[in-house]
Protein backbone atom coordinates (compact mmCIF):
# COMPACT_ATOMS: atom_id res chain seq x y z
CA MET A 1 0.00 0.00 0.00
CA ASN A 2 1.38 3.41 -0.88
CA ARG A 3 1.79 6.31 1.52
CA PHE A 4 -1.45 7.96 0.39
CA GLY A 5 -3.50 4.81 1.14
CA VAL A 6 -2.06 4.56 4.65
CA MET A 7 -3.04 8.12 5.30
CA VAL A 8 -6.63 7.47 4.10
CA VAL A 9 -7.02 4.39 6.33
CA LEU A 10 -5.79 6.25 9.39
CA TYR A 11 -8.15 9.16 8.80
CA VAL A 12 -11.10 6.68 8.33
CA LEU A 13 -10.23 4.96 11.61
CA VAL A 14 -10.19 8.27 13.41
CA PHE A 15 -13.56 9.14 11.84
CA PHE A 16 -15.21 5.92 12.93
CA ILE A 17 -13.70 6.03 16.35
CA THR A 18 -14.89 9.57 16.90
CA SER A 19 -18.35 8.71 15.49
CA GLY A 20 -18.59 5.65 17.69
CA ALA A 21 -17.48 7.67 20.63
CA ALA A 22 -20.27 10.15 20.02
CA GLU A 23 -22.92 7.36 19.75
CA LEU A 24 -21.59 5.56 22.76
CA THR A 25 -21.71 8.75 24.72
CA GLU A 26 -25.46 9.06 24.08
CA ASN A 27 -26.06 5.43 25.23
CA LEU A 28 -24.02 5.78 28.32
CA GLN A 29 -25.13 9.17 29.48
CA SER A 30 -27.37 7.47 32.02
CA THR A 31 -24.56 5.47 33.58
CA GLY A 32 -21.59 6.57 35.67
CA GLN A 33 -19.07 5.04 33.23
CA ILE A 34 -19.23 7.86 30.67
CA ASP A 35 -16.34 9.93 32.07
CA SER A 36 -13.99 6.95 32.14
CA ILE A 37 -14.90 5.83 28.63
CA LEU A 38 -14.60 9.34 27.19
CA SER A 39 -11.16 9.73 28.76
CA THR A 40 -10.05 6.44 27.20
CA TYR A 41 -11.34 7.43 23.75
CA GLU A 42 -9.71 10.85 23.94
CA THR A 43 -6.36 9.20 24.79
CA LYS A 44 -6.65 6.83 21.83
CA ILE A 45 -7.59 9.65 19.48
CA THR A 46 -4.61 11.73 20.62
CA GLU A 47 -2.31 8.76 20.08
CA LEU A 48 -3.67 8.20 16.56
CA GLU A 49 -3.31 11.91 15.72
CA ASN A 50 0.32 11.82 16.89
CA VAL A 51 0.93 8.73 14.73
CA ILE A 52 -0.58 10.52 11.73
CA ILE A 53 1.56 13.64 12.33
CA ASP A 54 4.70 11.53 12.72
CA LEU A 55 3.93 9.53 9.59
CA LYS A 56 3.19 12.70 7.62
CA SER A 57 6.55 14.18 8.71
CA LYS A 58 8.40 11.03 7.63
CA ILE A 59 6.63 11.03 4.27
CA GLU A 60 7.60 14.69 3.64
CA LYS A 61 11.21 14.02 4.68
CA LYS A 62 11.38 11.02 2.37
CA GLU A 63 10.00 13.09 -0.53
CA GLN A 64 12.66 15.77 0.11
CA GLU A 65 15.40 13.14 0.18
CA ASP A 66 14.15 11.68 -3.09
CA GLU A 67 14.12 15.16 -4.69
CA LEU A 68 17.69 15.87 -3.46
CA GLU A 69 18.89 12.51 -4.77
CA LYS A 70 17.33 13.31 -8.15
CA LEU A 71 19.09 16.69 -8.28
CA LEU A 72 22.43 15.06 -7.40
CA ASN A 73 21.98 12.49 -10.14
CA ASP A 74 21.18 15.25 -12.63
CA ALA A 75 24.30 17.19 -11.57
CA LYS A 76 26.49 14.09 -11.99
CA SER A 77 24.99 13.52 -15.40
CA LEU A 78 25.77 17.12 -16.47
CA GLU A 79 29.32 16.86 -15.08
CA SER A 80 29.87 13.76 -17.15
CA VAL A 81 28.61 15.53 -20.27
CA ASN A 82 30.86 18.56 -19.63
CA ARG A 83 33.87 16.33 -19.11
CA GLU A 84 33.19 14.58 -22.40
CA GLU A 85 32.88 17.98 -24.16
CA GLU A 86 36.18 19.20 -22.65
CA ILE A 87 37.92 16.05 -23.75
CA GLY A 88 36.45 16.47 -27.19
CA VAL A 89 37.65 20.05 -27.77
CA GLY A 90 41.03 19.84 -26.03
CA LYS A 91 44.37 19.16 -27.64
CA LYS A 92 45.40 15.56 -28.02
CA PHE A 93 49.07 14.66 -28.26
CA HIS A 94 49.71 11.18 -29.49
CA THR A 95 53.50 11.47 -29.37
CA GLY A 96 56.10 13.49 -27.49
CA VAL A 97 56.40 15.99 -30.37
CA ARG A 98 54.39 19.22 -30.13
CA GLN A 99 52.11 20.14 -32.98
CA GLN A 100 53.48 22.78 -35.30
CA SER A 101 50.75 25.31 -34.46
CA GLY A 102 51.73 25.08 -30.80
CA LEU A 103 55.24 26.24 -31.67
CA ASN A 104 54.16 29.45 -33.41
CA PRO A 105 54.76 32.72 -31.49
CA ASN A 106 52.16 35.42 -30.88
CA ILE A 107 52.51 37.74 -33.89
CA SER A 108 51.34 41.36 -33.82
CA LEU A 109 51.61 44.30 -36.17
CA GLY A 110 51.06 47.93 -35.24
CA GLY A 111 51.06 51.24 -37.10
CA ASP A 112 51.88 54.72 -35.80
CA PHE A 113 51.05 57.67 -38.12
CA PHE A 114 50.78 61.39 -37.44
CA ALA A 115 50.25 64.78 -39.03
CA GLY A 116 51.89 67.87 -37.56
CA MET A 117 51.58 71.62 -37.87
CA SER A 118 53.94 74.18 -36.32
CA THR A 119 54.13 77.96 -36.22
CA GLU A 120 57.80 77.68 -37.27
CA ASN A 121 59.26 76.24 -40.47
CA THR A 122 62.94 75.80 -39.62
CA SER A 123 64.66 72.50 -40.38
CA PHE A 124 65.21 71.84 -36.67
CA ILE A 125 61.44 71.57 -36.24
CA THR A 126 60.25 70.23 -39.59
CA GLU A 127 62.88 67.52 -40.26
CA PRO A 128 62.89 64.26 -38.27
CA SER A 129 65.98 64.02 -36.04
CA ASP A 130 67.21 62.56 -32.76
CA TYR A 131 65.23 65.27 -30.92
CA LEU A 132 62.00 65.74 -32.87
CA TYR A 133 59.87 63.45 -35.04
CA GLY A 134 59.18 66.13 -37.67
CA ASN A 135 56.41 68.64 -38.27
CA ASN A 136 54.45 70.55 -40.93
CA GLY A 137 53.55 67.41 -42.85
CA PHE A 138 52.36 63.80 -42.76
CA PHE A 139 54.67 61.16 -41.29
CA LEU A 140 54.97 57.44 -40.70
CA ARG A 141 56.63 57.20 -37.31
CA GLU A 142 56.78 53.42 -37.18
CA ILE A 143 55.38 50.07 -38.19
CA GLU A 144 56.19 47.58 -35.43
CA LEU A 145 56.28 43.81 -35.85
CA SER A 146 56.13 41.88 -32.59
CA LEU A 147 57.03 38.21 -32.03
CA VAL A 148 56.54 36.84 -28.52
CA ALA A 149 56.54 33.23 -27.31
CA PRO A 150 57.52 30.99 -24.41
CA LEU A 151 60.52 28.95 -25.53
CA ASP A 152 60.03 26.27 -22.89
CA PRO A 153 58.75 26.20 -19.28
CA PHE A 154 61.86 28.07 -18.12
CA THR A 155 62.46 30.78 -20.75
CA ARG A 156 60.62 33.19 -23.03
CA GLY A 157 61.67 35.12 -26.11
CA LYS A 158 60.61 38.52 -27.46
CA THR A 159 61.50 40.36 -30.66
CA PHE A 160 60.28 43.77 -31.87
CA ILE A 161 61.17 44.93 -35.36
CA SER A 162 60.73 48.58 -36.33
CA LEU A 163 59.95 49.53 -39.94
CA GLN A 164 60.29 53.21 -40.78
CA GLU A 165 60.12 55.04 -44.09
CA ASN A 166 63.82 54.66 -44.87
CA GLU A 167 64.99 52.17 -42.28
CA ILE A 168 64.40 48.74 -40.80
CA SER A 169 65.83 48.10 -37.35
CA ILE A 170 65.48 45.75 -34.40
CA GLU A 171 64.13 47.54 -31.35
CA GLU A 172 64.48 44.59 -29.00
CA ALA A 173 65.37 40.91 -29.35
CA TYR A 174 66.09 38.97 -26.19
CA MET A 175 65.41 35.84 -24.19
CA GLU A 176 64.77 35.63 -20.49
CA TRP A 177 65.23 32.85 -17.92
CA LEU A 178 62.48 32.91 -15.29
CA ASN A 179 62.30 31.99 -11.60
CA LEU A 180 65.99 31.40 -11.04
CA PRO A 181 67.54 31.13 -7.55
CA PHE A 182 67.59 34.29 -5.41
CA ASN A 183 64.19 35.29 -6.89
CA MET A 184 65.89 36.36 -10.12
CA ASN A 185 64.96 36.63 -13.78
CA PHE A 186 67.93 36.84 -16.15
CA LYS A 187 67.82 38.54 -19.55
CA ILE A 188 70.28 38.41 -22.46
CA GLY A 189 70.09 40.05 -25.90
CA LEU A 190 69.14 43.47 -27.28
CA PHE A 191 66.75 45.32 -24.97
CA ASN A 192 65.85 48.62 -23.31
CA ALA A 193 67.32 49.04 -19.84
CA GLU A 194 65.15 49.27 -16.73
CA PHE A 195 65.77 52.92 -15.92
CA GLY A 196 63.15 55.41 -14.82
CA ILE A 197 59.46 55.12 -15.61
CA LEU A 198 59.31 55.52 -19.40
CA ASN A 199 62.52 54.00 -20.78
CA ARG A 200 60.88 50.60 -21.29
CA TYR A 201 57.88 52.14 -23.11
CA HIS A 202 57.74 51.83 -26.89
CA ASP A 203 56.65 55.01 -28.70
CA HIS A 204 53.09 53.80 -29.33
CA ALA A 205 52.51 53.30 -25.59
CA LEU A 206 53.72 56.72 -24.35
CA PRO A 207 51.22 58.79 -22.32
CA GLN A 208 51.79 61.71 -24.73
CA PHE A 209 52.88 61.71 -28.37
CA ASP A 210 56.54 62.49 -27.62
CA ARG A 211 58.99 61.69 -24.85
CA PRO A 212 59.66 64.32 -22.18
CA LYS A 213 62.33 66.86 -23.13
CA VAL A 214 64.73 65.85 -20.37
CA LEU A 215 64.82 62.26 -21.68
CA THR A 216 65.23 63.51 -25.25
CA ASN A 217 68.09 65.85 -24.36
CA TYR A 218 69.96 63.21 -22.36
CA PHE A 219 69.26 60.10 -24.44
CA THR A 220 67.51 61.31 -27.68
CA HIS A 221 63.93 60.20 -28.36
CA ALA A 222 65.13 56.59 -28.63
CA ASN A 223 65.16 54.33 -25.59
CA MET A 224 68.39 53.83 -23.67
CA GLY A 225 69.29 50.28 -24.61
CA GLY A 226 71.72 47.95 -26.35
CA PHE A 227 73.14 44.43 -26.35
CA GLY A 228 73.87 43.06 -22.92
CA VAL A 229 72.65 41.20 -19.86
CA ALA A 230 70.31 42.12 -17.02
CA GLY A 231 69.16 40.63 -13.75
CA ASN A 232 65.84 41.37 -12.09
CA PHE A 233 65.61 40.51 -8.38
CA LEU A 234 62.47 40.42 -6.22
CA LEU A 235 63.65 41.71 -2.84
CA LYS A 236 62.20 41.61 0.61
CA PRO A 237 60.11 44.80 0.96
CA HIS A 238 62.12 47.89 1.90
CA PHE A 239 61.14 51.37 3.18
CA GLY A 240 57.69 50.19 4.24
CA ALA A 241 56.83 49.03 0.71
CA HIS A 242 54.61 46.07 -0.10
CA ALA A 243 57.06 44.90 -2.78
CA SER A 244 60.58 45.88 -3.87
CA MET A 245 62.63 45.08 -6.97
CA LEU A 246 66.24 45.56 -7.98
CA ASP A 247 67.40 45.67 -11.62
CA LEU A 248 71.07 45.50 -12.63
CA THR A 249 72.04 45.88 -16.30
CA VAL A 250 75.20 45.96 -18.38
CA ILE A 251 74.74 46.90 -22.06
CA LYS A 252 76.95 47.91 -24.94
CA GLY A 253 75.87 51.05 -26.72
CA GLY A 254 75.77 54.82 -26.40
CA ALA A 255 72.82 56.88 -25.31
CA GLY A 256 72.56 60.18 -27.13
CA GLN A 257 74.40 63.20 -25.79
CA SER A 258 75.23 61.69 -22.39
CA PHE A 259 77.25 58.62 -23.45
CA THR A 260 79.37 57.78 -26.46
CA SER A 261 78.99 54.77 -28.72
CA GLU A 262 82.38 55.28 -30.38
CA GLY A 263 84.60 53.82 -27.67
CA GLU A 264 86.25 50.42 -27.71
CA MET A 265 83.87 49.03 -25.10
CA SER A 266 81.08 51.64 -24.79
CA LEU A 267 79.55 49.82 -21.83
CA LEU A 268 76.77 51.30 -19.77
CA TYR A 269 76.18 50.14 -16.19
CA VAL A 270 72.59 50.65 -15.02
CA GLY A 271 70.99 50.12 -11.63
CA ASN A 272 67.37 50.67 -10.60
CA ILE A 273 65.44 49.96 -7.39
CA THR A 274 61.64 50.16 -7.35
CA ASN A 275 59.25 50.10 -4.38
CA PHE A 276 55.49 49.51 -4.66
CA TYR A 277 52.76 50.54 -2.20
CA ASP A 278 49.04 49.71 -2.05
CA ILE A 279 47.65 52.84 -0.38
CA THR A 280 44.02 51.76 -0.69
CA LYS A 281 42.21 49.16 -2.78
CA ASN A 282 41.93 51.83 -5.52
CA THR A 283 45.23 53.72 -5.15
CA PHE A 284 48.73 52.51 -5.95
CA PHE A 285 52.07 54.28 -5.57
CA GLU A 286 55.61 53.52 -6.63
CA TRP A 287 58.90 55.31 -6.45
CA ARG A 288 62.15 54.36 -8.08
CA LEU A 289 65.74 55.42 -7.77
CA GLY A 290 68.20 54.67 -10.54
CA GLY A 291 71.53 55.54 -12.05
CA VAL A 292 73.60 54.90 -15.18
CA THR A 293 77.24 55.52 -15.92
CA GLY A 294 79.44 55.23 -19.00
CA TYR A 295 82.12 57.08 -20.97
CA ASN A 296 81.24 60.27 -22.83
CA ASP A 297 84.31 60.41 -25.10
CA ALA A 298 85.68 58.11 -27.79
CA LEU A 299 89.00 57.64 -25.93
CA GLU A 300 87.08 56.48 -22.85
CA GLU A 301 88.83 58.79 -20.44
CA TYR A 302 85.88 60.74 -19.02
CA ARG A 303 82.71 59.41 -17.50
CA SER A 304 79.19 60.71 -17.21
CA TYR A 305 76.71 59.84 -14.48
CA VAL A 306 72.94 60.28 -14.73
CA GLY A 307 70.73 59.74 -11.68
CA ASN A 308 66.97 59.38 -11.68
CA LEU A 309 64.19 59.71 -9.12
CA GLY A 310 60.71 58.80 -10.37
CA ILE A 311 57.30 58.64 -8.70
CA ASN A 312 54.09 57.21 -10.10
CA LEU A 313 50.65 57.49 -8.47
CA LYS A 314 47.62 55.68 -9.91
CA TRP A 315 43.98 55.83 -8.89
CA ILE A 316 41.90 53.06 -10.48
CA PRO A 317 38.48 52.46 -8.86
CA VAL A 318 37.88 48.73 -8.68
CA ASP A 319 34.22 48.92 -9.66
CA ARG A 320 34.72 51.52 -12.45
CA ALA A 321 38.18 50.79 -13.87
CA LYS A 322 36.80 50.80 -17.40
CA TYR A 323 35.55 54.36 -17.02
CA ARG A 324 37.80 56.24 -14.57
CA THR A 325 41.57 56.34 -14.00
CA ILE A 326 44.05 59.00 -12.92
CA ASP A 327 47.75 58.40 -13.57
CA TRP A 328 50.42 60.86 -12.40
CA LYS A 329 54.08 60.40 -13.35
CA THR A 330 56.98 62.65 -12.35
CA GLU A 331 60.72 62.19 -12.83
CA PHE A 332 63.78 64.22 -11.84
CA LEU A 333 67.12 63.63 -13.59
CA TYR A 334 70.53 64.89 -12.53
CA SER A 335 73.71 64.58 -14.58
CA ARG A 336 77.41 64.91 -13.89
CA ARG A 337 79.65 65.01 -16.95
CA ASN A 338 83.43 64.85 -16.47
CA THR A 339 85.45 66.83 -19.03
CA PRO A 340 89.07 68.04 -19.38
CA ALA A 341 87.88 71.41 -18.06
CA GLY A 342 86.11 69.92 -15.04
CA ALA A 343 82.72 68.51 -14.14
CA ILE A 344 79.48 69.85 -15.66
CA TYR A 345 76.28 69.47 -13.65
CA THR A 346 72.86 69.62 -15.32
CA ARG A 347 69.31 68.67 -14.43
CA GLY A 348 65.77 68.39 -15.71
CA PHE A 349 62.32 67.09 -14.85
CA TYR A 350 58.84 66.42 -16.20
CA SER A 351 55.43 65.89 -14.65
CA SER A 352 52.70 64.09 -16.59
CA LEU A 353 49.00 63.64 -15.76
CA GLN A 354 46.46 61.37 -17.48
CA ASP A 355 42.76 61.53 -16.60
CA LYS A 356 40.39 58.92 -18.00
CA LEU A 357 36.98 60.56 -18.34
CA ASN A 358 34.99 57.57 -19.56
CA ALA A 359 35.42 54.39 -21.60
CA ARG A 360 36.64 56.30 -24.69
CA TRP A 361 38.22 59.63 -23.73
CA TRP A 362 41.40 60.61 -21.87
CA LEU A 363 42.70 64.08 -21.09
CA THR A 364 46.49 64.44 -20.73
CA GLY A 365 48.93 67.15 -19.77
CA ARG A 366 52.66 67.52 -19.14
CA ILE A 367 55.19 70.16 -18.15
CA ASP A 368 58.91 69.82 -18.98
CA TYR A 369 62.18 71.46 -18.09
CA ALA A 370 65.46 70.20 -19.55
CA GLU A 371 69.08 71.33 -19.79
CA LEU A 372 71.64 69.99 -22.24
CA PRO A 373 73.96 67.47 -20.54
CA TYR A 374 77.06 69.39 -21.62
CA ASN A 375 75.82 72.95 -20.93
CA SER A 376 73.62 73.94 -17.99
CA LYS A 377 72.99 77.42 -19.46
CA GLN A 378 71.11 76.00 -22.45
CA HIS A 379 67.65 74.76 -21.58
CA GLU A 380 64.06 74.32 -22.74
CA TRP A 381 60.61 74.63 -21.19
CA ALA A 382 57.54 72.95 -22.68
CA ALA A 383 53.85 72.67 -21.84
CA THR A 384 51.65 69.97 -23.41
CA ILE A 385 47.91 69.25 -23.34
CA GLY A 386 46.05 66.60 -25.30
CA ALA A 387 42.99 64.39 -25.71
CA ASP A 388 42.99 60.70 -26.64
CA PHE A 389 40.00 58.96 -28.20
CA TRP A 390 40.08 55.16 -27.90
CA GLN A 391 37.81 53.75 -30.56
CA SER A 392 38.70 50.32 -29.17
CA GLU A 393 41.69 48.70 -27.49
CA PHE A 394 43.11 48.22 -31.01
CA VAL A 395 42.67 51.76 -32.39
CA PHE A 396 43.15 55.18 -30.84
CA MET A 397 43.51 58.78 -32.03
CA ARG A 398 45.40 61.54 -30.24
CA PHE A 399 45.10 65.32 -30.50
CA GLN A 400 47.97 67.22 -28.87
CA TYR A 401 49.03 70.83 -28.51
CA GLN A 402 52.52 71.79 -27.29
CA TYR A 403 54.30 75.06 -26.63
CA SER A 404 58.12 74.95 -26.46
CA LYS A 405 60.28 77.82 -25.21
CA ARG A 406 63.93 77.19 -26.09
CA LYS A 407 67.15 78.82 -24.99
CA TYR A 408 69.66 76.97 -27.16
CA THR A 409 72.65 78.32 -29.05
CA TYR A 410 74.21 75.06 -30.18
CA ILE A 411 73.13 71.41 -30.14
CA THR A 412 75.66 68.76 -31.15
CA ASN A 413 74.90 67.22 -34.55
CA GLN A 414 71.84 69.45 -34.94
CA PRO A 415 72.64 72.72 -36.74
CA GLY A 416 70.13 75.47 -37.23
CA ILE A 417 68.08 78.07 -35.45
CA TYR A 418 66.18 76.84 -32.38
CA PRO A 419 63.05 79.02 -32.14
CA ASP A 420 60.14 78.87 -29.73
CA ASP A 421 57.08 77.32 -31.38
CA HIS A 422 53.47 76.21 -31.03
CA SER A 423 52.72 72.80 -32.54
CA PHE A 424 49.62 70.68 -33.05
CA ILE A 425 49.77 66.90 -33.61
CA VAL A 426 47.08 64.46 -34.78
CA GLN A 427 48.18 60.86 -34.23
CA VAL A 428 46.51 57.63 -35.38
CA ASN A 429 47.64 54.35 -33.87
CA TRP A 430 46.38 50.86 -34.59
CA ALA A 431 47.36 47.32 -33.69
CA MET A 432 46.46 43.82 -34.83
CA GLY A 433 47.29 40.84 -32.70
CA PRO A 434 47.74 40.36 -28.94
CA HIS A 435 50.46 43.03 -28.46
CA LYS A 436 48.41 46.23 -28.28
CA HIS A 437 49.19 49.73 -26.98
CA GLU A 438 49.87 48.83 -23.38
CA SER A 439 52.96 50.10 -21.61
CA TYR A 440 55.82 47.68 -22.04
């Protein structure tokens, strides 16, 4: 008999018992036994009601257990189906040899174009050089080909090839061993040194169209880099930081006006320590202290030293990172240049601010001051404002205005008049592939 039938029988018994009790009560009203009999019937009825309640509770509990068991069986069935689907779409290796497609690197291609207009038409401003990209015309700044891949579980390789209108060059090409003893990564090849905030940035990832004047005057608008080796060490936190890093680099190659590339060795020795702080869940801060030294003459008799102090503050709200960000970067550089006539001391700085207004638009601004590394009396001030429109993470357009006030009389390898000027730049940048316009 099923549970429902049991319930029906019990309710019928209660009905008949109560009916009989009522009839018997009428027959026995004349006798003295009625109270005793009624008490007995009431006890039996209460017992039967308790049995019914208990049985009903057990039936409901059993139904719940059956429903839970059904749900568990359904979940196991779905898990089995998902596992079969994962096995079906995953890679299958039947031998120890990797498939050819698994060996291919990530390949990206990016384009950087701009149009410029200046209030001055001298060759110093209009012609591309080590200091300026050109103006009063349309220009291809760079096509960049990127090849990035893990070589094995312990190393990775990166190569960036720059294609310009009249030149093809290798920006970087290096391999890196990861997770070595002493919390070290080790790099060998052609690369940009870890020095300051922006030296590792490629041109397409800069916060403004051009590099700050102090970096241009000391190192040209190219990155300070060359062939060499570098070690990156994760240190125990120092100075109250949440994380600290030390970078040591030795590279062969000059760096603009500060260091020569004509010597027999032309080695640059670079050191950089960086400390990171989480101020709040939305605010991050870092400061870095670095230095580089190398010879400034072809006979390698006189050295130059350039020190750097950089600070970077970022505010990125966790719940609105797509729409709001503020990024403030400031660097101070100080140079000592030894010469036959004595030491020359120069300095410079820049301060850059980026404000993300929404998912598409950024406002940017920067102020610069820079002296020439071989003459502290020659200097330049510049003020820059701009707006960036990100059509997507693959395409952006930049509109930038800059005023430069120059006090130069002579710049090595750059003849001409050096006038003050107002310039306006429209830049278009695009990328295909996984290497986009992020800082690098």
